[in-house]
C-alpha atoms as a PDB file:
ATOM      1  CA  MET A   1      47.984  39.129 -76.834  1.00  0.00           C
ATOM      2  CA  GLU A   2      47.797  35.845 -78.606  1.00  0.00           C
ATOM      3  CA  LYS A   3      51.106  34.848 -77.027  1.00  0.00           C
ATOM      4  CA  SER A   4      49.869  35.536 -73.519  1.00  0.00           C
ATOM      5  CA  LYS A   5      46.783  33.409 -74.148  1.00  0.00           C
ATOM      6  CA  ILE A   6      48.937  30.581 -75.454  1.00  0.00           C
ATOM      7  CA  GLU A   7      51.102  30.773 -72.301  1.00  0.00           C
ATOM      8  CA  GLU A   8      48.002  30.729 -70.159  1.00  0.00           C
ATOM      9  CA  TYR A   9      46.673  27.615 -71.905  1.00  0.00           C
ATOM     10  CA  LYS A  10      50.083  26.009 -71.593  1.00  0.00           C
ATOM     11  CA  GLU A  11      50.223  26.603 -67.860  1.00  0.00           C
ATOM     12  CA  LYS A  12      46.721  25.161 -67.402  1.00  0.00           C
ATOM     13  CA  LEU A  13      47.645  22.034 -69.375  1.00  0.00           C
ATOM     14  CA  LEU A  14      50.811  21.518 -67.300  1.00  0.00           C
ATOM     15  CA  ALA A  15      48.886  21.934 -64.055  1.00  0.00           C
ATOM     16  CA  ALA A  16      46.236  19.420 -65.151  1.00  0.00           C
ATOM     17  CA  TRP A  17      48.931  16.909 -66.151  1.00  0.00           C
ATOM     18  CA  GLU A  18      50.717  17.195 -62.808  1.00  0.00           C
ATOM     19  CA  SER A  19      47.425  16.752 -60.966  1.00  0.00           C
ATOM     20  CA  LEU A  20      46.659  13.626 -62.992  1.00  0.00           C
ATOM     21  CA  LEU A  21      50.093  12.184 -62.266  1.00  0.00           C
ATOM     22  CA  GLN A  22      49.685  12.858 -58.526  1.00  0.00           C
ATOM     23  CA  LYS A  23      46.244  11.193 -58.429  1.00  0.00           C
ATOM     24  CA  SER A  24      47.565   8.174 -60.307  1.00  0.00           C
ATOM     25  CA  ASN A  25      50.405   7.831 -57.803  1.00  0.00           C
ATOM     26  CA  GLU A  26      47.945   8.014 -54.870  1.00  0.00           C
ATOM     27  CA  ASP A  27      45.683   5.399 -56.467  1.00  0.00           C
ATOM     28  CA  GLU A  28      48.664   3.173 -57.061  1.00  0.00           C
ATOM     29  CA  ILE A  29      49.792   3.525 -53.445  1.00  0.00           C
ATOM     30  CA  ALA A  30      46.262   2.788 -52.144  1.00  0.00           C
ATOM     31  CA  HIS A  31      46.009  -0.184 -54.494  1.00  0.00           C
ATOM     32  CA  VAL A  32      49.319  -1.559 -53.251  1.00  0.00           C
ATOM     33  CA  GLY A  33      48.186  -1.027 -49.620  1.00  0.00           C
ATOM     34  CA  ARG A  34      44.945  -2.940 -50.203  1.00  0.00           C
ATOM     35  CA  GLU A  35      46.837  -5.775 -51.865  1.00  0.00           C
ATOM     36  CA  ARG A  36      49.165  -6.034 -48.880  1.00  0.00           C
ATOM     37  CA  ILE A  37      46.242  -6.161 -46.438  1.00  0.00           C
ATOM     38  CA  ILE A  38      44.500  -8.878 -48.475  1.00  0.00           C
ATOM     39  CA  VAL A  39      47.694 -10.913 -48.685  1.00  0.00           C
ATOM     40  CA  PHE A  40      48.212 -10.572 -44.933  1.00  0.00           C
ATOM     41  CA  LEU A  41      44.637 -11.672 -44.115  1.00  0.00           C
ATOM     42  CA  VAL A  42      44.824 -14.690 -46.419  1.00  0.00           C
ATOM     43  CA  ALA A  43      48.172 -15.704 -44.936  1.00  0.00           C
ATOM     44  CA  PHE A  44      46.839 -15.282 -41.388  1.00  0.00           C
ATOM     45  CA  ILE A  45      43.718 -17.384 -42.089  1.00  0.00           C
ATOM     46  CA  LEU A  46      45.809 -20.124 -43.715  1.00  0.00           C
ATOM     47  CA  ALA A  47      48.225 -20.131 -40.781  1.00  0.00           C
ATOM     48  CA  LEU A  48      45.383 -20.248 -38.245  1.00  0.00           C
ATOM     49  CA  THR A  49      43.706 -23.090 -40.139  1.00  0.00           C
ATOM     50  CA  LEU A  50      46.922 -25.086 -40.264  1.00  0.00           C
ATOM     51  CA  TRP A  51      47.523 -24.429 -36.561  1.00  0.00           C
ATOM     52  CA  LEU A  52      44.008 -25.630 -35.678  1.00  0.00           C
ATOM     53  CA  MET A  53      44.330 -28.725 -37.872  1.00  0.00           C
ATOM     54  CA  VAL A  54      47.616 -29.681 -36.268  1.00  0.00           C
ATOM     55  CA  ASN A  55      46.692 -28.924 -32.669  1.00  0.00           C
ATOM     56  CA  LEU A  56      43.100 -30.206 -32.683  1.00  0.00           C
ATOM     57  CA  SER A  57      44.270 -33.518 -34.089  1.00  0.00           C
ATOM     58  CA  ARG A  58      46.026 -34.185 -30.794  1.00  0.00           C
ATOM     59  CA  ASP A  59      44.442 -35.888 -27.782  1.00  0.00           C
ATOM     60  CA  TYR A  60      43.108 -33.763 -24.934  1.00  0.00           C
ATOM     61  CA  THR A  61      41.314 -34.377 -21.643  1.00  0.00           C
ATOM     62  CA  LEU A  62      38.201 -32.349 -20.947  1.00  0.00           C
ATOM     63  CA  ASN A  63      35.562 -32.228 -18.166  1.00  0.00           C
ATOM     64  CA  ILE A  64      32.015 -32.017 -19.535  1.00  0.00           C
ATOM     65  CA  GLU A  65      28.677 -31.629 -17.722  1.00  0.00           C
ATOM     66  CA  LEU A  66      26.253 -34.214 -19.146  1.00  0.00           C
ATOM     67  CA  PRO A  67      22.494 -33.996 -18.361  1.00  0.00           C
ATOM     68  CA  ILE A  68      21.012 -37.013 -16.539  1.00  0.00           C
ATOM     69  CA  GLN A  69      17.493 -38.217 -17.209  1.00  0.00           C
ATOM     70  CA  LEU A  70      15.596 -41.102 -15.671  1.00  0.00           C
ATOM     71  CA  GLY A  71      14.456 -43.752 -18.107  1.00  0.00           C
ATOM     72  CA  ASN A  72      12.100 -46.701 -17.839  1.00  0.00           C
ATOM     73  CA  VAL A  73      10.411 -45.580 -14.590  1.00  0.00           C
ATOM     74  CA  PRO A  74       7.261 -47.709 -14.043  1.00  0.00           C
ATOM     75  CA  ALA A  75       4.076 -45.641 -14.326  1.00  0.00           C
ATOM     76  CA  GLU A  76       2.981 -46.629 -10.812  1.00  0.00           C
ATOM     77  CA  LYS A  77       6.295 -45.515  -9.268  1.00  0.00           C
ATOM     78  CA  ALA A  78       7.737 -42.093  -8.464  1.00  0.00           C
ATOM     79  CA  LEU A  79      10.979 -40.726  -7.081  1.00  0.00           C
ATOM     80  CA  VAL A  80      11.155 -40.368  -3.317  1.00  0.00           C
ATOM     81  CA  LYS A  81      14.500 -38.575  -3.238  1.00  0.00           C
ATOM     82  CA  ASP A  82      15.940 -36.205  -5.791  1.00  0.00           C
ATOM     83  CA  PHE A  83      19.037 -37.093  -7.774  1.00  0.00           C
ATOM     84  CA  PRO A  84      21.687 -34.952  -9.549  1.00  0.00           C
ATOM     85  CA  SER A  85      20.548 -33.360 -12.802  1.00  0.00           C
ATOM     86  CA  THR A  86      24.035 -33.566 -14.322  1.00  0.00           C
ATOM     87  CA  ALA A  87      27.180 -35.670 -14.081  1.00  0.00           C
ATOM     88  CA  THR A  88      30.737 -34.408 -14.521  1.00  0.00           C
ATOM     89  CA  VAL A  89      32.436 -36.671 -17.065  1.00  0.00           C
ATOM     90  CA  SER A  90      36.162 -36.557 -17.778  1.00  0.00           C
ATOM     91  CA  VAL A  91      36.790 -37.632 -21.392  1.00  0.00           C
ATOM     92  CA  THR A  92      39.916 -38.003 -23.543  1.00  0.00           C
ATOM     93  CA  GLY A  93      39.970 -37.749 -27.330  1.00  0.00           C
ATOM     94  CA  GLU A  94      40.872 -35.676 -30.352  1.00  0.00           C
ATOM     95  CA  GLY A  95      40.284 -31.990 -30.022  1.00  0.00           C
ATOM     96  CA  TRP A  96      37.793 -31.915 -32.910  1.00  0.00           C
ATOM     97  CA  LYS A  97      35.605 -34.567 -31.318  1.00  0.00           C
ATOM     98  CA  LEU A  98      35.798 -32.932 -27.886  1.00  0.00           C
ATOM     99  CA  ILE A  99      34.679 -29.590 -29.290  1.00  0.00           C
ATOM    100  CA  ASN A 100      31.639 -31.233 -30.854  1.00  0.00           C
ATOM    101  CA  LEU A 101      30.905 -33.114 -27.618  1.00  0.00           C
ATOM    102  CA  TYR A 102      31.239 -29.929 -25.556  1.00  0.00           C
ATOM    103  CA  ASN A 103      28.856 -27.994 -27.823  1.00  0.00           C
ATOM    104  CA  ASN A 104      26.304 -30.842 -28.022  1.00  0.00           C
ATOM    105  CA  PRO A 105      26.471 -32.856 -24.785  1.00  0.00           C
ATOM    106  CA  PRO A 106      24.242 -35.960 -24.998  1.00  0.00           C
ATOM    107  CA  THR A 107      21.641 -36.721 -22.331  1.00  0.00           C
ATOM    108  CA  ILE A 108      22.409 -39.835 -20.280  1.00  0.00           C
ATOM    109  CA  ASN A 109      19.289 -41.962 -19.743  1.00  0.00           C
ATOM    110  CA  ILE A 110      19.532 -43.793 -16.429  1.00  0.00           C
ATOM    111  CA  ASP A 111      18.119 -47.313 -16.182  1.00  0.00           C
ATOM    112  CA  VAL A 112      16.390 -47.555 -12.790  1.00  0.00           C
ATOM    113  CA  SER A 113      15.683 -51.278 -12.804  1.00  0.00           C
ATOM    114  CA  ASP A 114      18.107 -51.460  -9.852  1.00  0.00           C
ATOM    115  CA  ALA A 115      18.128 -49.211  -6.807  1.00  0.00           C
ATOM    116  CA  LYS A 116      21.873 -48.640  -7.155  1.00  0.00           C
ATOM    117  CA  VAL A 117      23.048 -47.332 -10.511  1.00  0.00           C
ATOM    118  CA  ASP A 118      26.639 -47.622 -11.758  1.00  0.00           C
ATOM    119  CA  LEU A 119      26.709 -44.249 -13.459  1.00  0.00           C
ATOM    120  CA  PHE A 120      30.221 -44.788 -14.840  1.00  0.00           C
ATOM    121  CA  ASP A 121      29.105 -47.973 -16.602  1.00  0.00           C
ATOM    122  CA  GLN A 122      25.953 -46.397 -18.049  1.00  0.00           C
ATOM    123  CA  VAL A 123      27.817 -43.342 -19.316  1.00  0.00           C
ATOM    124  CA  GLN A 124      30.451 -45.561 -20.910  1.00  0.00           C
ATOM    125  CA  GLN A 125      27.839 -47.729 -22.630  1.00  0.00           C
ATOM    126  CA  GLN A 126      26.008 -44.751 -24.107  1.00  0.00           C
ATOM    127  CA  MET A 127      29.227 -42.985 -25.168  1.00  0.00           C
ATOM    128  CA  ASN A 128      30.714 -46.024 -26.933  1.00  0.00           C
ATOM    129  CA  ALA A 129      29.080 -44.890 -30.156  1.00  0.00           C
ATOM    130  CA  MET A 130      31.512 -41.965 -30.195  1.00  0.00           C
ATOM    131  CA  LEU A 131      34.745 -43.377 -31.652  1.00  0.00           C
ATOM    132  CA  ASN A 132      38.088 -42.543 -30.101  1.00  0.00           C
ATOM    133  CA  ILE A 133      36.574 -40.910 -27.012  1.00  0.00           C
ATOM    134  CA  ASN A 134      37.568 -42.528 -23.734  1.00  0.00           C
ATOM    135  CA  ILE A 135      35.746 -42.082 -20.429  1.00  0.00           C
ATOM    136  CA  GLN A 136      38.283 -41.463 -17.685  1.00  0.00           C
ATOM    137  CA  ARG A 137      36.075 -40.567 -14.720  1.00  0.00           C
ATOM    138  CA  VAL A 138      32.429 -39.904 -13.845  1.00  0.00           C
ATOM    139  CA  GLN A 139      31.371 -37.893 -10.823  1.00  0.00           C
ATOM    140  CA  PRO A 140      29.304 -39.136  -9.058  1.00  0.00           C
ATOM    141  CA  GLN A 141      30.293 -42.655  -9.990  1.00  0.00           C
ATOM    142  CA  ASN A 142      27.241 -44.295  -8.381  1.00  0.00           C
ATOM    143  CA  LEU A 143      23.659 -43.188  -7.777  1.00  0.00           C
ATOM    144  CA  THR A 144      21.037 -44.487  -5.395  1.00  0.00           C
ATOM    145  CA  VAL A 145      17.556 -44.199  -6.896  1.00  0.00           C
ATOM    146  CA  GLN A 146      14.701 -44.363  -4.375  1.00  0.00           C
ATOM    147  CA  LEU A 147      11.270 -45.108  -5.822  1.00  0.00           C
ATOM    148  CA  GLY A 148       7.928 -45.259  -4.039  1.00  0.00           C
ATOM    149  CA  ASP A 149       4.320 -45.859  -4.939  1.00  0.00           C
ATOM    150  CA  ARG A 150       2.890 -43.029  -7.012  1.00  0.00           C
ATOM    151  CA  ALA A 151      -0.201 -41.257  -5.663  1.00  0.00           C
ATOM    152  CA  SER A 152      -2.210 -38.111  -6.319  1.00  0.00           C
ATOM    153  CA  LYS A 153      -4.575 -35.981  -4.245  1.00  0.00           C
ATOM    154  CA  LYS A 154      -6.508 -32.748  -4.569  1.00  0.00           C
ATOM    155  CA  VAL A 155      -5.731 -30.040  -2.007  1.00  0.00           C
ATOM    156  CA  PRO A 156      -7.112 -26.509  -1.580  1.00  0.00           C
ATOM    157  CA  VAL A 157      -5.091 -23.525  -2.728  1.00  0.00           C
ATOM    158  CA  ARG A 158      -4.191 -21.051   0.013  1.00  0.00           C
ATOM    159  CA  SER A 159      -3.729 -17.434  -0.967  1.00  0.00           C
ATOM    160  CA  ALA A 160      -0.457 -15.770   0.002  1.00  0.00           C
ATOM    161  CA  VAL A 161      -1.454 -12.537  -1.751  1.00  0.00           C
ATOM    162  CA  THR A 162      -1.117  -9.337   0.284  1.00  0.00           C
ATOM    163  CA  VAL A 163      -3.340  -6.459  -0.836  1.00  0.00           C
ATOM    164  CA  ASN A 164      -2.667  -2.916   0.355  1.00  0.00           C
ATOM    165  CA  PHE A 165      -5.655  -0.665  -0.317  1.00  0.00           C
ATOM    166  CA  ARG A 166      -5.876   3.029  -0.871  1.00  0.00           C
ATOM    167  CA  GLU A 167      -7.376   4.733   2.185  1.00  0.00           C
ATOM    168  CA  GLN A 168     -11.053   3.854   2.794  1.00  0.00           C
ATOM    169  CA  TYR A 169     -11.081   1.093   0.168  1.00  0.00           C
ATOM    170  CA  GLY A 170     -11.414  -2.647   0.734  1.00  0.00           C
ATOM    171  CA  PHE A 171     -12.885  -5.895  -0.552  1.00  0.00           C
ATOM    172  CA  LEU A 172     -16.658  -6.148  -0.611  1.00  0.00           C
ATOM    173  CA  ASP A 173     -16.399  -9.922  -0.032  1.00  0.00           C
ATOM    174  CA  PRO A 174     -13.376 -12.148   0.545  1.00  0.00           C
ATOM    175  CA  PRO A 175     -11.377 -12.527  -2.691  1.00  0.00           C
ATOM    176  CA  THR A 176     -11.752 -15.774  -4.630  1.00  0.00           C
ATOM    177  CA  ILE A 177      -9.172 -18.196  -6.023  1.00  0.00           C
ATOM    178  CA  ASN A 178     -10.026 -19.965  -9.271  1.00  0.00           C
ATOM    179  CA  PRO A 179      -9.539 -22.861  -9.416  1.00  0.00           C
ATOM    180  CA  ASP A 180      -9.617 -23.160  -5.645  1.00  0.00           C
ATOM    181  CA  SER A 181      -7.748 -26.486  -5.570  1.00  0.00           C
ATOM    182  CA  VAL A 182      -4.819 -28.205  -7.260  1.00  0.00           C
ATOM    183  CA  THR A 183      -4.037 -31.868  -7.871  1.00  0.00           C
ATOM    184  CA  ILE A 184      -0.571 -32.901  -6.709  1.00  0.00           C
ATOM    185  CA  ASN A 185       1.146 -36.015  -7.978  1.00  0.00           C
ATOM    186  CA  GLY A 186       4.212 -37.817  -6.641  1.00  0.00           C
ATOM    187  CA  ALA A 187       5.436 -40.477  -4.259  1.00  0.00           C
ATOM    188  CA  ALA A 188       2.793 -41.294  -1.645  1.00  0.00           C
ATOM    189  CA  THR A 189       5.221 -40.720   1.237  1.00  0.00           C
ATOM    190  CA  LEU A 190       5.935 -37.201  -0.007  1.00  0.00           C
ATOM    191  CA  ILE A 191       2.384 -35.972  -0.536  1.00  0.00           C
ATOM    192  CA  LYS A 192       0.539 -37.676   2.327  1.00  0.00           C
ATOM    193  CA  ASN A 193       1.116 -34.784   4.770  1.00  0.00           C
ATOM    194  CA  ILE A 194       0.382 -32.000   2.285  1.00  0.00           C
ATOM    195  CA  GLU A 195      -3.033 -30.535   3.173  1.00  0.00           C
ATOM    196  CA  GLU A 196      -2.898 -27.356   1.072  1.00  0.00           C
ATOM    197  CA  TRP A 197      -0.796 -25.629  -1.562  1.00  0.00           C
ATOM    198  CA  SER A 198       0.087 -21.952  -1.368  1.00  0.00           C
ATOM    199  CA  THR A 199       0.365 -19.315  -4.038  1.00  0.00           C
ATOM    200  CA  ASP A 200       3.568 -17.353  -4.339  1.00  0.00           C
ATOM    201  CA  SER A 201       3.921 -14.412  -1.970  1.00  0.00           C
ATOM    202  CA  VAL A 202       2.555 -11.572  -4.111  1.00  0.00           C
ATOM    203  CA  GLN A 203       1.952  -7.996  -2.983  1.00  0.00           C
ATOM    204  CA  ILE A 204      -0.519  -5.663  -4.716  1.00  0.00           C
ATOM    205  CA  ASN A 205      -0.331  -2.025  -3.640  1.00  0.00           C
ATOM    206  CA  ASN A 206      -2.499   1.110  -3.814  1.00  0.00           C
ATOM    207  CA  VAL A 207      -5.658  -0.764  -4.782  1.00  0.00           C
ATOM    208  CA  ALA A 208      -8.828   1.238  -5.438  1.00  0.00           C
ATOM    209  CA  LYS A 209     -10.579  -0.872  -8.085  1.00  0.00           C
ATOM    210  CA  ASP A 210     -11.565  -4.474  -8.687  1.00  0.00           C
ATOM    211  CA  ILE A 211      -8.735  -7.018  -8.915  1.00  0.00           C
ATOM    212  CA  SER A 212      -8.572  -9.751 -11.534  1.00  0.00           C
ATOM    213  CA  GLN A 213      -5.184 -11.261 -12.270  1.00  0.00           C
ATOM    214  CA  THR A 214      -3.280 -14.531 -12.373  1.00  0.00           C
ATOM    215  CA  VAL A 215      -1.021 -15.535  -9.503  1.00  0.00           C
ATOM    216  CA  PRO A 216       1.625 -18.286  -9.775  1.00  0.00           C
ATOM    217  CA  LEU A 217       1.472 -21.211  -7.404  1.00  0.00           C
ATOM    218  CA  GLU A 218       4.393 -21.815  -5.102  1.00  0.00           C
ATOM    219  CA  SER A 219       7.115 -23.688  -6.979  1.00  0.00           C
ATOM    220  CA  SER A 220       7.235 -27.421  -6.461  1.00  0.00           C
ATOM    221  CA  SER A 221      10.258 -29.674  -6.440  1.00  0.00           C
ATOM    222  CA  GLU A 222      10.911 -31.960  -9.376  1.00  0.00           C
ATOM    223  CA  LEU A 223       9.533 -34.785  -7.231  1.00  0.00           C
ATOM    224  CA  ILE A 224       5.983 -33.372  -7.101  1.00  0.00           C
ATOM    225  CA  ASN A 225       3.909 -32.425 -10.128  1.00  0.00           C
ATOM    226  CA  LEU A 226       1.047 -29.915 -10.083  1.00  0.00           C
ATOM    227  CA  SER A 227      -2.034 -30.055 -12.282  1.00  0.00           C
ATOM    228  CA  HIS A 228      -1.584 -26.331 -13.005  1.00  0.00           C
ATOM    229  CA  SER A 229       1.023 -23.696 -12.215  1.00  0.00           C
ATOM    230  CA  GLU A 230      -1.141 -20.597 -11.624  1.00  0.00           C
ATOM    231  CA  VAL A 231      -4.589 -19.548 -10.432  1.00  0.00           C
ATOM    232  CA  GLY A 232      -6.864 -16.574 -10.875  1.00  0.00           C
ATOM    233  CA  PHE A 233      -7.145 -14.061  -8.023  1.00  0.00           C
ATOM    234  CA  GLU A 234     -10.276 -11.912  -8.110  1.00  0.00           C
ATOM    235  CA  GLY A 235     -11.941  -9.499  -5.728  1.00  0.00           C
ATOM    236  CA  GLU A 236     -14.556  -6.736  -5.868  1.00  0.00           C
ATOM    237  CA  VAL A 237     -13.250  -3.512  -4.331  1.00  0.00           C
ATOM    238  CA  VAL A 238     -15.487  -0.737  -2.962  1.00  0.00           C
ATOM    239  CA  GLU A 239     -15.088   2.488  -1.033  1.00  0.00           C
ATOM    240  CA  TYR A 240     -16.058   2.368   2.646  1.00  0.00           C
ATOM    241  CA  THR A 241     -17.227   5.056   5.032  1.00  0.00           C
ATOM    242  CA  GLU A 242     -17.383   5.117   8.825  1.00  0.00           C
ATOM    243  CA  GLY A 243     -20.580   4.615  10.791  1.00  0.00           C
ATOM    244  CA  GLU A 244     -21.358   4.885  14.509  1.00  0.00           C
ATOM    245  CA  MET A 245     -24.224   3.716  16.694  1.00  0.00           C
ATOM    246  CA  GLN A 246     -25.320   3.171  20.292  1.00  0.00           C
ATOM    247  CA  ALA A 247     -26.572  -0.303  21.261  1.00  0.00           C
ATOM    248  CA  ASN A 248     -28.144  -1.446  24.536  1.00  0.00           C
ATOM    249  CA  ILE A 249     -26.737  -4.527  26.250  1.00  0.00           C
ATOM    250  CA  THR A 250     -29.035  -7.524  26.733  1.00  0.00           C
ATOM    251  CA  THR A 251     -28.561 -10.807  28.626  1.00  0.00           C
ATOM    252  CA  ARG A 252     -28.937 -14.189  26.964  1.00  0.00           C
ATOM    253  CA  ASN A 253     -29.863 -17.498  28.582  1.00  0.00           C
ATOM    254  CA  LEU A 254     -31.081 -15.692  31.676  1.00  0.00           C
ATOM    255  CA  PRO A 255     -32.772 -18.142  34.105  1.00  0.00           C
ATOM    256  CA  PRO A 256     -36.255 -17.368  35.439  1.00  0.00           C
ATOM    257  CA  GLY A 257     -36.382 -15.088  38.447  1.00  0.00           C
ATOM    258  CA  ARG A 258     -33.140 -13.284  37.585  1.00  0.00           C
ATOM    259  CA  MET A 259     -32.392  -9.880  36.043  1.00  0.00           C
ATOM    260  CA  VAL A 260     -29.060  -8.290  35.220  1.00  0.00           C
ATOM    261  CA  SER A 261     -28.403  -4.562  35.068  1.00  0.00           C
ATOM    262  CA  TYR A 262     -25.329  -3.121  33.341  1.00  0.00           C
ATOM    263  CA  SER A 263     -23.325   0.038  33.815  1.00  0.00           C
ATOM    264  CA  PRO A 264     -23.286   1.645  31.339  1.00  0.00           C
ATOM    265  CA  LEU A 265     -26.491   0.366  29.774  1.00  0.00           C
ATOM    266  CA  ALA A 266     -25.186   0.784  26.175  1.00  0.00           C
ATOM    267  CA  ILE A 267     -21.913   0.804  24.277  1.00  0.00           C
ATOM    268  CA  THR A 268     -20.727   2.874  21.301  1.00  0.00           C
ATOM    269  CA  ILE A 269     -19.864   0.873  18.182  1.00  0.00           C
ATOM    270  CA  LYS A 270     -17.808   2.182  15.259  1.00  0.00           C
ATOM    271  CA  TYR A 271     -17.822   0.306  11.978  1.00  0.00           C
ATOM    272  CA  ASP A 272     -17.018   0.598   8.273  1.00  0.00           C
ATOM    273  CA  VAL A 273     -19.679   0.084   5.643  1.00  0.00           C
ATOM    274  CA  PRO A 274     -19.693   0.466   1.819  1.00  0.00           C
ATOM    275  CA  ILE A 275     -20.891   3.908   0.794  1.00  0.00           C
ATOM    276  CA  GLU A 276     -23.713   2.345  -1.239  1.00  0.00           C
ATOM    277  CA  GLU A 277     -25.057   0.583   1.887  1.00  0.00           C
ATOM    278  CA  TYR A 278     -24.582   3.416   4.379  1.00  0.00           C
ATOM    279  CA  THR A 279     -28.114   4.827   4.180  1.00  0.00           C
ATOM    280  CA  ASP A 280     -29.786   1.408   4.511  1.00  0.00           C
ATOM    281  CA  VAL A 281     -27.654   0.499   7.530  1.00  0.00           C
ATOM    282  CA  GLN A 282     -28.510   3.777   9.268  1.00  0.00           C
ATOM    283  CA  ASP A 283     -32.218   2.999   8.957  1.00  0.00           C
ATOM    284  CA  GLU A 284     -31.886  -0.061  11.189  1.00  0.00           C
ATOM    285  CA  ASN A 285     -29.807  -1.221  14.131  1.00  0.00           C
ATOM    286  CA  PRO A 286     -27.230  -3.516  12.478  1.00  0.00           C
ATOM    287  CA  PHE A 287     -25.805  -5.067  15.681  1.00  0.00           C
ATOM    288  CA  ASP A 288     -27.000  -7.003  18.706  1.00  0.00           C
ATOM    289  CA  VAL A 289     -24.952  -6.519  21.868  1.00  0.00           C
ATOM    290  CA  TYR A 290     -25.301  -9.159  24.578  1.00  0.00           C
ATOM    291  CA  VAL A 291     -23.710 -10.890  27.529  1.00  0.00           C
ATOM    292  CA  SER A 292     -24.435 -14.567  28.128  1.00  0.00           C
ATOM    293  CA  TYR A 293     -25.472 -15.500  31.646  1.00  0.00           C
ATOM    294  CA  GLN A 294     -22.716 -18.145  31.616  1.00  0.00           C
ATOM    295  CA  GLN A 295     -20.143 -15.337  31.322  1.00  0.00           C
ATOM    296  CA  ILE A 296     -21.529 -13.808  34.502  1.00  0.00           C
ATOM    297  CA  LEU A 297     -21.468 -17.114  36.370  1.00  0.00           C
ATOM    298  CA  GLU A 298     -17.820 -17.666  35.405  1.00  0.00           C
ATOM    299  CA  ASP A 299     -16.749 -14.099  36.280  1.00  0.00           C
ATOM    300  CA  SER A 300     -15.172 -13.085  39.579  1.00  0.00           C
ATOM    301  CA  THR A 301     -14.217  -9.480  38.780  1.00  0.00           C
ATOM    302  CA  GLY A 302     -17.598  -7.769  38.465  1.00  0.00           C
ATOM    303  CA  PHE A 303     -16.882  -6.796  34.839  1.00  0.00           C
ATOM    304  CA  VAL A 304     -17.671  -8.624  31.592  1.00  0.00           C
ATOM    305  CA  THR A 305     -16.914  -8.065  27.893  1.00  0.00           C
ATOM    306  CA  PRO A 306     -20.036  -7.641  25.729  1.00  0.00           C
ATOM    307  CA  GLN A 307     -20.396  -9.818  22.616  1.00  0.00           C
ATOM    308  CA  ILE A 308     -21.332  -8.138  19.317  1.00  0.00           C
ATOM    309  CA  GLU A 309     -23.344  -9.952  16.673  1.00  0.00           C
ATOM    310  CA  GLU A 310     -24.284  -8.645  13.237  1.00  0.00           C
ATOM    311  CA  LYS A 311     -28.040  -8.872  12.675  1.00  0.00           C
ATOM    312  CA  ASN A 312     -28.252  -8.858   8.894  1.00  0.00           C
ATOM    313  CA  GLU A 313     -25.642 -10.662   6.818  1.00  0.00           C
ATOM    314  CA  ARG A 314     -26.694  -8.948   3.595  1.00  0.00           C
ATOM    315  CA  TYR A 315     -24.673  -5.894   4.620  1.00  0.00           C
ATOM    316  CA  HIS A 316     -20.901  -5.792   4.302  1.00  0.00           C
ATOM    317  CA  ILE A 317     -20.099  -4.259   7.679  1.00  0.00           C
ATOM    318  CA  ARG A 318     -16.631  -4.356   9.234  1.00  0.00           C
ATOM    319  CA  LEU A 319     -16.473  -3.800  12.989  1.00  0.00           C
ATOM    320  CA  ARG A 320     -13.790  -1.273  13.939  1.00  0.00           C
ATOM    321  CA  SER A 321     -14.138  -0.797  17.697  1.00  0.00           C
ATOM    322  CA  PHE A 322     -16.539  -0.495  20.577  1.00  0.00           C
ATOM    323  CA  GLN A 323     -16.374   1.365  23.894  1.00  0.00           C
ATOM    324  CA  PRO A 324     -16.262   0.594  26.721  1.00  0.00           C
ATOM    325  CA  ARG A 325     -14.572  -2.756  26.281  1.00  0.00           C
ATOM    326  CA  ARG A 326     -15.835  -4.053  29.661  1.00  0.00           C
ATOM    327  CA  VAL A 327     -18.962  -3.167  31.636  1.00  0.00           C
ATOM    328  CA  ALA A 328     -20.021  -3.654  35.248  1.00  0.00           C
ATOM    329  CA  TYR A 329     -23.081  -5.763  36.029  1.00  0.00           C
ATOM    330  CA  PHE A 330     -25.511  -6.238  38.904  1.00  0.00           C
ATOM    331  CA  ILE A 331     -27.660  -9.326  39.416  1.00  0.00           C
ATOM    332  CA  VAL A 332     -31.173  -8.621  40.624  1.00  0.00           C
ATOM    333  CA  LEU A 333     -33.346 -11.358  42.113  1.00  0.00           C
ATOM    334  CA  ASP A 334     -36.987 -11.201  41.101  1.00  0.00           C
ATOM    335  CA  ASN A 335     -39.049 -11.956  44.170  1.00  0.00           C
END
């Protein structure tokens, strides 16, 4: 019994020893694998660094887009014609310097003391501070700068906002723009014919409540500056209902001794009115319907179109239609 227990313990010890040896071998293999990877990465980085140092020390030619900016423009002058915002410059130099130049291109300030600018010369002068970089070519090589007298004027803002209402809804009064004008600034020859400035084309759909939002102004060119870039667009929205009435036709400016009879004597008018005003409008006749005697004198057909005039401007009535559109008339002499 004791012998069998000793054998059992012996077998367990042998199994544990073999397992330990196997784990040690695996750890050693993994350790060797990691060392190889580290050695490979270090060697690769060193090789890449040496390659960059050798190759970027050579001279290369590179085309770079350099921003152009006007400098020293008199306060009373403004550009009449736009000029390029960038120049394509072909430069030659060490790779290291070209990389830095490519990542941080300097802005070229153009001296506009002369109408014609030698862009190649100005680029070369401003790039001389960069050692061992040669300017090979500049495109465009020359610029023509046109300046005119600077002026400013205030013009009204025109709304280009389209509002699509939910059925039976509409503005109570025309929508407002705030501010309703904008000051434009630029060369006098450019702004003299500008009489208004539009908002962007904006569409607002399915409207059934008051509107209050900002709307951008139409973009201007770099030659014209605006005092502000957006305006407020506001409008009170109400629900409308349909009304209908009959109105007799009268004659205006009728000379003495004349009478005019119409057939039919009245027309039917359909209109929209805010629900809140419907009852008040029904209590009075909101429209005058008339024909001027001058219309009759100028007519040769025997039919005229009645004119419709709203009596009370405190109501927000929108005329929809009236029937008939034309009526016959008969002149009666009063003896």
